[in-house]
């Protein structure tokens, strides 16, 4: 098998993301067996392939949390099967829970009076949840929303229709 470039870390990280942080898929991407990948990662990073991949996905986690403000979405994006496992690993690595991390991001955004930039989201529910969080609202608050008073139909006087309008007007 051909030797892969162990010095190109950027390429390795791209392949790790594409492979979903899975060793077997990573091996197929770089066209080496697991044992050879183990030799390469030991040489380049001083650890096993899975340890390195786990670290890479935890390094990517804060950016995904900033983007989506959701531990559930972040855990899914990073290939964790359980949100609880993601939360536990995130807290072990960073010393803070994903929920606390998101709260800090939102507090910083509020203190700077900046808008949280919303990415293009595929899920409408995720979009609405992210928007509601940015406004400190919950789903149940949606039921209380009504049309603004300046829109027709809400507070505008009702005009009579048809023949009845002529009799009232005259």
Protein backbone atom coordinates (compact mmCIF):
# COMPACT_ATOMS: atom_id res chain seq x y z
CA UNK A 1 0.00 0.00 0.00
CA UNK A 2 1.12 3.51 -0.72
CA UNK A 3 2.32 5.62 2.15
CA UNK A 4 -0.01 8.53 2.94
CA UNK A 5 1.29 11.97 3.81
CA UNK A 6 1.36 12.03 7.61
CA UNK A 7 2.61 15.63 7.68
CA UNK A 8 -0.49 17.13 6.05
CA UNK A 9 -2.63 17.54 9.18
CA UNK A 10 -5.25 19.66 7.40
CA UNK A 11 -5.91 16.84 4.93
CA UNK A 12 -6.18 14.34 7.80
CA UNK A 13 -8.78 16.51 9.54
CA UNK A 14 -10.82 16.82 6.33
CA UNK A 15 -10.77 13.05 5.89
CA UNK A 16 -11.75 12.59 9.55
CA UNK A 17 -14.81 14.83 9.05
CA UNK A 18 -15.77 13.05 5.83
CA UNK A 19 -15.42 9.64 7.49
CA UNK A 20 -17.73 10.64 10.34
CA UNK A 21 -14.86 10.12 12.80
CA UNK A 22 -14.98 6.34 12.25
CA UNK A 23 -11.75 4.33 11.94
CA UNK A 24 -12.99 1.81 9.35
CA UNK A 25 -14.36 4.50 7.07
CA UNK A 26 -11.18 6.55 7.55
CA UNK A 27 -9.10 3.52 6.49
CA UNK A 28 -11.14 3.15 3.31
CA UNK A 29 -10.77 6.88 2.56
CA UNK A 30 -6.96 6.74 2.77
CA UNK A 31 -6.76 3.21 1.34
CA UNK A 32 -4.79 1.60 4.17
CA UNK A 33 -5.55 -1.20 6.61
CA UNK A 34 -6.34 -0.47 10.26
CA UNK A 35 -2.95 -1.70 11.43
CA UNK A 36 -1.14 0.62 9.02
CA UNK A 37 -3.34 3.53 10.08
CA UNK A 38 -2.43 2.74 13.67
CA UNK A 39 1.27 2.98 12.76
CA UNK A 40 0.72 6.31 10.98
CA UNK A 41 -1.27 7.90 13.82
CA UNK A 42 1.24 6.64 16.38
CA UNK A 43 4.04 8.20 14.33
CA UNK A 44 2.26 11.50 13.63
CA UNK A 45 0.20 12.06 16.79
CA UNK A 46 1.51 9.62 19.40
CA UNK A 47 -1.89 7.94 19.89
CA UNK A 48 -4.27 5.40 18.44
CA UNK A 49 -6.47 6.27 15.44
CA UNK A 50 -9.69 6.23 17.50
CA UNK A 51 -8.19 8.44 20.22
CA UNK A 52 -7.09 10.95 17.59
CA UNK A 53 -10.49 10.86 15.82
CA UNK A 54 -12.31 11.31 19.15
CA UNK A 55 -10.14 14.32 19.92
CA UNK A 56 -10.80 15.82 16.47
CA UNK A 57 -14.54 15.60 16.86
CA UNK A 58 -14.35 17.22 20.30
CA UNK A 59 -12.22 20.00 18.81
CA UNK A 60 -14.94 20.54 16.18
CA UNK A 61 -17.75 20.51 18.79
CA UNK A 62 -17.64 24.16 19.98
CA UNK A 63 -18.03 25.50 16.44
CA UNK A 64 -21.03 23.26 15.81
CA UNK A 65 -22.56 24.29 19.15
CA UNK A 66 -22.07 27.94 18.20
CA UNK A 67 -23.71 27.34 14.84
CA UNK A 68 -26.77 25.39 15.99
CA UNK A 69 -27.08 26.17 19.75
CA UNK A 70 -28.19 22.58 20.31
CA UNK A 71 -26.34 19.68 21.93
CA UNK A 72 -28.67 17.25 20.19
CA UNK A 73 -27.81 18.56 16.73
CA UNK A 74 -24.11 18.80 17.58
CA UNK A 75 -24.00 15.21 18.83
CA UNK A 76 -25.69 14.03 15.65
CA UNK A 77 -23.39 16.07 13.39
CA UNK A 78 -20.33 14.68 15.17
CA UNK A 79 -21.44 11.07 14.93
CA UNK A 80 -22.33 10.41 18.56
CA UNK A 81 -25.14 7.89 18.91
CA UNK A 82 -26.33 9.30 22.25
CA UNK A 83 -26.59 12.94 23.30
CA UNK A 84 -25.62 11.92 26.84
CA UNK A 85 -22.35 10.42 25.57
CA UNK A 86 -21.58 13.63 23.68
CA UNK A 87 -22.37 15.74 26.76
CA UNK A 88 -20.19 13.59 28.99
CA UNK A 89 -17.23 13.66 26.58
CA UNK A 90 -17.60 17.41 25.97
CA UNK A 91 -17.60 18.11 29.70
CA UNK A 92 -14.60 15.80 30.25
CA UNK A 93 -12.62 17.57 27.51
CA UNK A 94 -13.63 21.21 28.15
CA UNK A 95 -14.66 21.16 31.81
CA UNK A 96 -18.08 22.64 31.00
CA UNK A 97 -21.31 21.06 29.83
CA UNK A 98 -22.66 21.78 26.33
CA UNK A 99 -25.72 23.46 27.88
CA UNK A 100 -23.51 25.80 29.93
CA UNK A 101 -21.38 26.48 26.85
CA UNK A 102 -24.48 27.44 24.84
CA UNK A 103 -25.69 29.64 27.71
CA UNK A 104 -22.34 31.46 27.71
CA UNK A 105 -22.57 32.02 23.96
CA UNK A 106 -26.10 33.40 24.26
CA UNK A 107 -25.15 35.60 27.25
CA UNK A 108 -22.19 36.97 25.30
CA UNK A 109 -24.40 37.67 22.30
CA UNK A 110 -26.93 39.47 24.51
CA UNK A 111 -24.27 41.49 26.32
CA UNK A 112 -22.76 42.63 23.04
CA UNK A 113 -26.25 43.25 21.70
CA UNK A 114 -25.42 41.32 18.58
CA UNK A 115 -27.67 39.06 16.64
CA UNK A 116 -26.84 35.40 16.53
CA UNK A 117 -26.23 34.61 12.89
CA UNK A 118 -28.48 31.78 11.84
CA UNK A 119 -27.10 29.42 9.22
CA UNK A 120 -29.24 27.91 6.54
CA UNK A 121 -31.03 25.12 8.34
CA UNK A 122 -32.70 22.15 6.78
CA UNK A 123 -35.11 21.62 9.63
CA UNK A 124 -37.83 24.22 10.15
CA UNK A 125 -38.23 23.12 13.76
CA UNK A 126 -34.50 23.61 14.39
CA UNK A 127 -34.67 27.04 12.79
CA UNK A 128 -37.62 28.08 14.95
CA UNK A 129 -36.01 26.66 18.09
CA UNK A 130 -32.79 28.55 17.41
CA UNK A 131 -34.74 31.76 16.79
CA UNK A 132 -36.80 31.32 19.94
CA UNK A 133 -33.65 30.75 22.00
CA UNK A 134 -32.12 33.92 20.59
CA UNK A 135 -35.22 35.82 21.84
CA UNK A 136 -35.40 33.95 25.18
CA UNK A 137 -38.71 32.36 24.21
CA UNK A 138 -40.07 28.81 24.30
CA UNK A 139 -42.33 26.83 22.01
CA UNK A 140 -45.33 27.42 24.25
CA UNK A 141 -44.83 31.18 23.80
CA UNK A 142 -45.73 30.78 20.11
CA UNK A 143 -49.38 30.29 21.03
CA UNK A 144 -49.45 33.78 22.56
CA UNK A 145 -48.23 35.47 19.39
CA UNK A 146 -50.87 37.35 17.45
CA UNK A 147 -50.93 39.69 14.51
CA UNK A 148 -49.49 43.14 15.16
CA UNK A 149 -52.22 45.79 15.57
CA UNK A 150 -51.32 47.56 12.31
CA UNK A 151 -52.24 44.53 10.17
CA UNK A 152 -55.74 44.39 8.74
CA UNK A 153 -58.06 42.02 10.48
CA UNK A 154 -56.72 42.30 14.02
CA UNK A 155 -57.85 45.68 15.38
CA UNK A 156 -59.29 47.37 12.32
CA UNK A 157 -63.02 48.22 12.41
CA UNK A 158 -65.18 45.81 10.48
CA UNK A 159 -66.76 47.23 7.37
CA UNK A 160 -70.21 46.01 6.41
CA UNK A 161 -70.42 44.02 3.21
CA UNK A 162 -72.92 43.75 0.39
CA UNK A 163 -76.44 45.28 0.50
CA UNK A 164 -76.32 45.63 4.26
CA UNK A 165 -73.56 48.22 3.84
CA UNK A 166 -75.80 50.49 1.79
CA UNK A 167 -78.62 50.49 4.30
CA UNK A 168 -76.33 51.28 7.22
CA UNK A 169 -74.51 54.02 5.31
CA UNK A 170 -77.70 55.77 4.10
